[in-house]
């Protein structure tokens, strides 16, 4: 499969996953958390969780915007920039789990973030741009 097609597929999957999860955390946190096997916190904590959901949805929206409206150059930029968000969220949540601030049920967050960082770094190493056009090196 060509690297550009993999990059587009990643943007669709990661963007949809983040956008739907974030939107769910904003509007339906009490229904989303059990799907993640996470205990539902008290009401004030749910407000903060919904706030975090807004950021998760925005990251997902960035992938989807780049995929559907931005072209390959914007998709590459999105893959580069979201690595920072994913490293930050993955590192924080991994440390929070290790310190006992979050239950081990949250392990899917750093696992997903770190897996996507690795995949995005690999894709970026394969995607090359010449005069605004994308090409991919042999995989």
N, C-alpha and C. Protein backbone atom coordinates (compact mmCIF):
# COMPACT_ATOMS: atom_id res chain seq x y z
N UNK A 1 0.86 -1.18 0.00
CA UNK A 1 0.00 0.00 0.00
C UNK A 1 0.90 1.23 0.00
N UNK A 2 0.61 2.20 -0.86
CA UNK A 2 1.43 3.42 -0.89
C UNK A 2 1.38 4.17 0.45
N UNK A 3 2.49 4.80 0.78
CA UNK A 3 2.60 5.51 2.05
C UNK A 3 1.57 6.62 2.17
N UNK A 4 1.30 7.32 1.09
CA UNK A 4 0.30 8.40 1.16
C UNK A 4 -1.08 7.84 1.49
N UNK A 5 -1.38 6.66 0.99
CA UNK A 5 -2.68 6.04 1.31
C UNK A 5 -2.73 5.63 2.78
N UNK A 6 -1.62 5.12 3.31
CA UNK A 6 -1.55 4.78 4.73
C UNK A 6 -1.72 6.04 5.58
N UNK A 7 -1.09 7.13 5.18
CA UNK A 7 -1.20 8.40 5.92
C UNK A 7 -2.65 8.88 5.92
N UNK A 8 -3.32 8.77 4.79
CA UNK A 8 -4.73 9.19 4.74
C UNK A 8 -5.60 8.28 5.60
N UNK A 9 -5.32 6.99 5.58
CA UNK A 9 -6.08 6.05 6.40
C UNK A 9 -5.85 6.33 7.88
N UNK A 10 -4.61 6.61 8.25
CA UNK A 10 -4.31 6.95 9.65
C UNK A 10 -5.06 8.21 10.06
N UNK A 11 -5.08 9.22 9.19
CA UNK A 11 -5.79 10.46 9.50
C UNK A 11 -7.28 10.19 9.69
N UNK A 12 -7.84 9.33 8.87
CA UNK A 12 -9.26 9.00 8.99
C UNK A 12 -9.54 8.26 10.29
N UNK A 13 -8.73 7.25 10.60
CA UNK A 13 -8.97 6.43 11.79
C UNK A 13 -8.68 7.23 13.06
N UNK A 14 -7.49 7.82 13.15
CA UNK A 14 -7.12 8.58 14.35
C UNK A 14 -8.04 9.79 14.53
N UNK A 15 -8.33 10.48 13.44
CA UNK A 15 -9.21 11.64 13.52
C UNK A 15 -10.61 11.27 13.97
N UNK A 16 -11.15 10.21 13.40
CA UNK A 16 -12.49 9.77 13.79
C UNK A 16 -12.52 9.29 15.24
N UNK A 17 -11.52 8.52 15.63
CA UNK A 17 -11.43 8.01 17.00
C UNK A 17 -11.37 9.17 18.00
N UNK A 18 -10.47 10.12 17.77
CA UNK A 18 -10.32 11.25 18.69
C UNK A 18 -11.55 12.16 18.67
N UNK A 19 -12.06 12.44 17.48
CA UNK A 19 -13.20 13.34 17.39
C UNK A 19 -14.42 12.74 18.08
N UNK A 20 -14.68 11.48 17.83
CA UNK A 20 -15.85 10.82 18.46
C UNK A 20 -15.66 10.65 19.96
N UNK A 21 -14.48 10.23 20.39
CA UNK A 21 -14.22 10.07 21.82
C UNK A 21 -14.32 11.42 22.53
N UNK A 22 -13.68 12.43 21.97
CA UNK A 22 -13.72 13.76 22.58
C UNK A 22 -15.12 14.32 22.65
N UNK A 23 -15.86 14.19 21.56
CA UNK A 23 -17.25 14.67 21.56
C UNK A 23 -18.09 13.90 22.58
N UNK A 24 -17.85 12.60 22.67
CA UNK A 24 -18.54 11.80 23.67
C UNK A 24 -18.21 12.23 25.09
N UNK A 25 -16.93 12.53 25.33
CA UNK A 25 -16.53 12.98 26.67
C UNK A 25 -17.12 14.35 27.00
N UNK A 26 -17.34 15.18 26.00
CA UNK A 26 -17.95 16.48 26.24
C UNK A 26 -19.41 16.31 26.66
N UNK A 27 -20.15 15.56 25.87
CA UNK A 27 -21.61 15.52 26.04
C UNK A 27 -22.14 14.31 26.81
N UNK A 28 -21.40 13.20 26.78
CA UNK A 28 -21.90 11.96 27.38
C UNK A 28 -20.82 11.22 28.18
N UNK A 29 -20.11 11.92 29.09
CA UNK A 29 -19.00 11.25 29.79
C UNK A 29 -19.45 10.03 30.60
N UNK A 30 -20.64 10.08 31.17
CA UNK A 30 -21.11 8.95 31.99
C UNK A 30 -21.41 7.70 31.14
N UNK A 31 -21.61 7.89 29.85
CA UNK A 31 -21.83 6.76 28.96
C UNK A 31 -20.53 6.28 28.31
N UNK A 32 -19.58 7.19 28.11
CA UNK A 32 -18.32 6.85 27.43
C UNK A 32 -17.36 6.14 28.38
N UNK A 33 -17.24 6.62 29.60
CA UNK A 33 -16.27 6.05 30.53
C UNK A 33 -16.46 4.55 30.77
N UNK A 34 -17.68 4.05 30.95
CA UNK A 34 -17.81 2.60 31.10
C UNK A 34 -17.34 1.81 29.88
N UNK A 35 -17.48 2.39 28.69
CA UNK A 35 -16.97 1.73 27.48
C UNK A 35 -15.45 1.58 27.53
N UNK A 36 -14.80 2.52 28.23
CA UNK A 36 -13.35 2.48 28.41
C UNK A 36 -12.97 1.67 29.66
N UNK A 37 -13.98 1.16 30.37
CA UNK A 37 -13.79 0.43 31.63
C UNK A 37 -13.17 1.31 32.71
N UNK A 38 -13.59 2.58 32.69
CA UNK A 38 -13.09 3.56 33.64
C UNK A 38 -14.23 3.94 34.58
N UNK A 39 -13.92 4.06 35.86
CA UNK A 39 -14.90 4.44 36.86
C UNK A 39 -15.36 5.88 36.62
N UNK A 40 -16.64 6.11 36.83
CA UNK A 40 -17.21 7.45 36.64
C UNK A 40 -16.89 8.28 37.88
N UNK A 41 -16.22 9.43 37.70
CA UNK A 41 -15.88 10.28 38.85
C UNK A 41 -17.07 11.14 39.29
N UNK A 42 -16.86 11.90 40.34
CA UNK A 42 -17.88 12.82 40.83
C UNK A 42 -18.14 13.93 39.83
N UNK A 43 -19.23 14.65 40.02
CA UNK A 43 -19.68 15.65 39.05
C UNK A 43 -18.65 16.70 38.67
N UNK A 44 -17.92 17.26 39.65
CA UNK A 44 -16.95 18.30 39.31
C UNK A 44 -15.84 17.74 38.42
N UNK A 45 -15.41 16.52 38.69
CA UNK A 45 -14.39 15.89 37.85
C UNK A 45 -14.92 15.64 36.44
N UNK A 46 -16.21 15.38 36.31
CA UNK A 46 -16.80 15.19 34.99
C UNK A 46 -16.72 16.46 34.15
N UNK A 47 -16.81 17.61 34.80
CA UNK A 47 -16.67 18.88 34.08
C UNK A 47 -15.26 18.99 33.50
N UNK A 48 -14.26 18.67 34.30
CA UNK A 48 -12.88 18.72 33.81
C UNK A 48 -12.66 17.69 32.70
N UNK A 49 -13.26 16.54 32.85
CA UNK A 49 -13.13 15.51 31.83
C UNK A 49 -13.78 15.97 30.52
N UNK A 50 -14.90 16.65 30.60
CA UNK A 50 -15.52 17.21 29.40
C UNK A 50 -14.64 18.27 28.76
N UNK A 51 -13.96 19.06 29.58
CA UNK A 51 -13.01 20.06 29.09
C UNK A 51 -11.87 19.37 28.32
N UNK A 52 -11.35 18.30 28.87
CA UNK A 52 -10.32 17.52 28.18
C UNK A 52 -10.88 16.95 26.88
N UNK A 53 -12.14 16.51 26.93
CA UNK A 53 -12.79 16.01 25.73
C UNK A 53 -12.80 17.01 24.59
N UNK A 54 -12.93 18.29 24.93
CA UNK A 54 -12.90 19.33 23.90
C UNK A 54 -11.55 19.34 23.18
N UNK A 55 -10.48 19.15 23.91
CA UNK A 55 -9.15 19.10 23.29
C UNK A 55 -8.96 17.83 22.47
N UNK A 56 -9.45 16.72 22.98
CA UNK A 56 -9.34 15.45 22.24
C UNK A 56 -10.12 15.57 20.92
N UNK A 57 -11.32 16.12 20.98
CA UNK A 57 -12.11 16.30 19.76
C UNK A 57 -11.40 17.24 18.78
N UNK A 58 -10.76 18.28 19.31
CA UNK A 58 -10.05 19.22 18.44
C UNK A 58 -8.87 18.56 17.73
N UNK A 59 -8.14 17.71 18.43
CA UNK A 59 -7.03 16.99 17.79
C UNK A 59 -7.58 16.09 16.68
N UNK A 60 -8.66 15.39 16.98
CA UNK A 60 -9.29 14.57 15.94
C UNK A 60 -9.76 15.40 14.77
N UNK A 61 -10.31 16.56 15.07
CA UNK A 61 -10.75 17.46 14.02
C UNK A 61 -9.61 17.93 13.13
N UNK A 62 -8.42 18.10 13.71
CA UNK A 62 -7.25 18.50 12.92
C UNK A 62 -6.90 17.44 11.88
N UNK A 63 -6.88 16.18 12.29
CA UNK A 63 -6.62 15.09 11.34
C UNK A 63 -7.66 15.11 10.22
N UNK A 64 -8.92 15.21 10.60
CA UNK A 64 -10.01 15.15 9.61
C UNK A 64 -9.99 16.36 8.69
N UNK A 65 -9.71 17.53 9.23
CA UNK A 65 -9.61 18.74 8.41
C UNK A 65 -8.49 18.59 7.37
N UNK A 66 -7.35 18.14 7.84
CA UNK A 66 -6.22 17.96 6.91
C UNK A 66 -6.55 16.92 5.85
N UNK A 67 -7.25 15.88 6.24
CA UNK A 67 -7.60 14.81 5.30
C UNK A 67 -8.57 15.30 4.23
N UNK A 68 -9.62 15.98 4.65
CA UNK A 68 -10.69 16.34 3.72
C UNK A 68 -10.55 17.71 3.08
N UNK A 69 -9.77 18.61 3.68
CA UNK A 69 -9.71 19.97 3.18
C UNK A 69 -8.30 20.48 2.91
N UNK A 70 -7.28 19.78 3.39
CA UNK A 70 -5.98 20.39 3.38
C UNK A 70 -4.98 19.93 2.37
N UNK A 71 -5.17 18.82 1.74
CA UNK A 71 -4.17 18.31 0.82
C UNK A 71 -3.04 17.62 1.56
N UNK A 72 -2.11 17.07 0.80
CA UNK A 72 -1.04 16.27 1.39
C UNK A 72 -0.05 17.08 2.21
N UNK A 73 0.21 18.31 1.82
CA UNK A 73 1.15 19.13 2.60
C UNK A 73 0.58 19.40 3.99
N UNK A 74 -0.70 19.73 4.06
CA UNK A 74 -1.32 19.98 5.37
C UNK A 74 -1.42 18.68 6.17
N UNK A 75 -1.65 17.56 5.50
CA UNK A 75 -1.70 16.28 6.20
C UNK A 75 -0.34 15.98 6.83
N UNK A 76 0.72 16.23 6.10
CA UNK A 76 2.07 16.03 6.66
C UNK A 76 2.28 16.93 7.88
N UNK A 77 1.90 18.19 7.77
CA UNK A 77 2.04 19.11 8.90
C UNK A 77 1.23 18.64 10.10
N UNK A 78 0.04 18.15 9.85
CA UNK A 78 -0.81 17.65 10.93
C UNK A 78 -0.16 16.43 11.59
N UNK A 79 0.39 15.54 10.80
CA UNK A 79 1.08 14.38 11.37
C UNK A 79 2.27 14.82 12.23
N UNK A 80 2.97 15.86 11.79
CA UNK A 80 4.11 16.38 12.57
C UNK A 80 3.63 17.01 13.88
N UNK A 81 2.63 17.87 13.81
CA UNK A 81 2.18 18.60 15.00
C UNK A 81 1.47 17.72 16.02
N UNK A 82 0.69 16.78 15.56
CA UNK A 82 -0.04 15.95 16.51
C UNK A 82 0.88 15.01 17.28
N UNK A 83 2.08 14.79 16.78
CA UNK A 83 3.07 14.02 17.56
C UNK A 83 3.31 14.71 18.90
N UNK A 84 3.39 16.04 18.90
CA UNK A 84 3.60 16.78 20.16
C UNK A 84 2.45 16.56 21.13
N UNK A 85 1.22 16.66 20.63
CA UNK A 85 0.05 16.45 21.49
C UNK A 85 0.02 15.02 22.03
N UNK A 86 0.31 14.07 21.17
CA UNK A 86 0.26 12.66 21.58
C UNK A 86 1.39 12.31 22.56
N UNK A 87 2.57 12.86 22.35
CA UNK A 87 3.65 12.62 23.32
C UNK A 87 3.30 13.23 24.67
N UNK A 88 2.73 14.40 24.65
CA UNK A 88 2.35 15.07 25.90
C UNK A 88 1.27 14.29 26.63
N UNK A 89 0.19 13.98 25.95
CA UNK A 89 -0.93 13.26 26.58
C UNK A 89 -0.51 11.85 26.99
N UNK A 90 0.23 11.17 26.13
CA UNK A 90 0.68 9.81 26.45
C UNK A 90 1.63 9.79 27.62
N UNK A 91 2.57 10.72 27.65
CA UNK A 91 3.53 10.77 28.76
C UNK A 91 2.86 11.11 30.07
N UNK A 92 1.99 12.13 30.04
CA UNK A 92 1.29 12.50 31.27
C UNK A 92 0.45 11.34 31.80
N UNK A 93 -0.33 10.74 30.93
CA UNK A 93 -1.21 9.67 31.40
C UNK A 93 -0.42 8.45 31.86
N UNK A 94 0.70 8.14 31.21
CA UNK A 94 1.53 7.02 31.65
C UNK A 94 2.09 7.27 33.04
N UNK A 95 2.59 8.48 33.27
CA UNK A 95 3.12 8.84 34.59
C UNK A 95 2.01 8.85 35.63
N UNK A 96 0.84 9.38 35.26
CA UNK A 96 -0.29 9.43 36.19
C UNK A 96 -0.73 8.01 36.59
N UNK A 97 -0.70 7.09 35.66
CA UNK A 97 -1.03 5.69 35.97
C UNK A 97 0.04 5.11 36.89
N UNK A 98 1.30 5.35 36.55
CA UNK A 98 2.41 4.83 37.35
C UNK A 98 2.37 5.37 38.79
N UNK A 99 2.00 6.64 38.94
CA UNK A 99 1.93 7.25 40.27
C UNK A 99 0.63 6.92 41.02
N UNK A 100 -0.30 6.28 40.34
CA UNK A 100 -1.57 5.94 40.97
C UNK A 100 -2.62 7.03 40.91
N UNK A 101 -2.35 8.10 40.18
CA UNK A 101 -3.34 9.18 40.03
C UNK A 101 -4.51 8.74 39.17
N UNK A 102 -4.23 7.90 38.18
CA UNK A 102 -5.25 7.32 37.32
C UNK A 102 -5.20 5.81 37.49
N UNK A 103 -6.35 5.16 37.37
CA UNK A 103 -6.38 3.70 37.47
C UNK A 103 -5.75 3.08 36.22
N UNK A 104 -5.40 1.82 36.33
CA UNK A 104 -4.79 1.13 35.19
C UNK A 104 -5.75 1.00 34.01
N UNK A 105 -7.04 1.24 34.23
CA UNK A 105 -8.02 1.21 33.13
C UNK A 105 -7.69 2.26 32.07
N UNK A 106 -6.96 3.30 32.45
CA UNK A 106 -6.60 4.36 31.51
C UNK A 106 -5.42 4.00 30.61
N UNK A 107 -4.88 2.80 30.73
CA UNK A 107 -3.68 2.43 29.98
C UNK A 107 -3.88 2.52 28.47
N UNK A 108 -5.13 2.43 28.01
CA UNK A 108 -5.37 2.55 26.57
C UNK A 108 -4.97 3.92 26.02
N UNK A 109 -4.99 4.94 26.88
CA UNK A 109 -4.64 6.29 26.41
C UNK A 109 -3.16 6.38 26.03
N UNK A 110 -2.21 6.07 26.94
CA UNK A 110 -0.81 6.14 26.52
C UNK A 110 -0.47 5.09 25.46
N UNK A 111 -1.10 3.93 25.53
CA UNK A 111 -0.80 2.90 24.52
C UNK A 111 -1.18 3.39 23.13
N UNK A 112 -2.35 3.97 23.01
CA UNK A 112 -2.79 4.49 21.71
C UNK A 112 -1.93 5.65 21.26
N UNK A 113 -1.66 6.59 22.18
CA UNK A 113 -0.85 7.75 21.81
C UNK A 113 0.54 7.34 21.36
N UNK A 114 1.21 6.47 22.11
CA UNK A 114 2.57 6.08 21.75
C UNK A 114 2.60 5.26 20.46
N UNK A 115 1.60 4.42 20.25
CA UNK A 115 1.54 3.65 19.00
C UNK A 115 1.37 4.61 17.81
N UNK A 116 0.51 5.61 17.96
CA UNK A 116 0.32 6.56 16.86
C UNK A 116 1.55 7.44 16.65
N UNK A 117 2.26 7.78 17.71
CA UNK A 117 3.51 8.53 17.54
C UNK A 117 4.49 7.71 16.69
N UNK A 118 4.63 6.44 17.03
CA UNK A 118 5.54 5.59 16.26
C UNK A 118 5.12 5.47 14.80
N UNK A 119 3.85 5.26 14.56
CA UNK A 119 3.35 5.15 13.19
C UNK A 119 3.51 6.45 12.43
N UNK A 120 3.21 7.57 13.08
CA UNK A 120 3.35 8.86 12.42
C UNK A 120 4.81 9.17 12.11
N UNK A 121 5.71 8.86 13.02
CA UNK A 121 7.14 9.07 12.74
C UNK A 121 7.59 8.22 11.55
N UNK A 122 7.13 6.99 11.50
CA UNK A 122 7.48 6.12 10.38
C UNK A 122 6.94 6.70 9.07
N UNK A 123 5.66 7.12 9.09
CA UNK A 123 5.08 7.70 7.88
C UNK A 123 5.82 8.94 7.44
N UNK A 124 6.16 9.80 8.39
CA UNK A 124 6.88 11.03 8.04
C UNK A 124 8.25 10.74 7.45
N UNK A 125 8.87 9.66 7.88
CA UNK A 125 10.18 9.30 7.31
C UNK A 125 10.05 8.79 5.88
N UNK A 126 8.85 8.35 5.52
CA UNK A 126 8.62 7.81 4.18
C UNK A 126 8.00 8.81 3.21
N UNK A 127 7.30 9.82 3.75
CA UNK A 127 6.66 10.81 2.89
C UNK A 127 7.65 11.91 2.51
N UNK A 128 7.77 12.16 1.24
CA UNK A 128 8.66 13.22 0.75
C UNK A 128 7.87 14.14 -0.15
N UNK A 129 8.20 15.43 -0.11
CA UNK A 129 7.47 16.40 -0.92
C UNK A 129 8.44 17.08 -1.87
N UNK A 130 8.00 17.15 -3.12
CA UNK A 130 8.78 17.84 -4.14
C UNK A 130 7.83 18.78 -4.86
N UNK A 131 8.10 20.06 -4.81
CA UNK A 131 7.27 21.08 -5.48
C UNK A 131 5.80 20.94 -5.09
N UNK A 132 5.56 20.72 -3.78
CA UNK A 132 4.20 20.65 -3.30
C UNK A 132 3.50 19.33 -3.53
N UNK A 133 4.14 18.40 -4.20
CA UNK A 133 3.53 17.09 -4.45
C UNK A 133 4.17 16.05 -3.55
N UNK A 134 3.36 15.15 -3.06
CA UNK A 134 3.86 14.10 -2.18
C UNK A 134 4.30 12.90 -3.00
N UNK A 135 5.32 12.26 -2.52
CA UNK A 135 5.72 10.97 -3.04
C UNK A 135 6.17 10.15 -1.85
N UNK A 136 6.29 8.87 -2.05
CA UNK A 136 6.71 8.05 -0.93
C UNK A 136 7.90 7.22 -1.38
N UNK A 137 8.82 7.04 -0.41
CA UNK A 137 9.97 6.21 -0.70
C UNK A 137 9.56 4.76 -0.58
N UNK A 138 10.34 3.89 -1.12
CA UNK A 138 10.04 2.46 -1.05
C UNK A 138 10.03 2.02 0.40
N UNK A 139 9.01 1.28 0.75
CA UNK A 139 8.87 0.83 2.14
C UNK A 139 9.67 -0.41 2.41
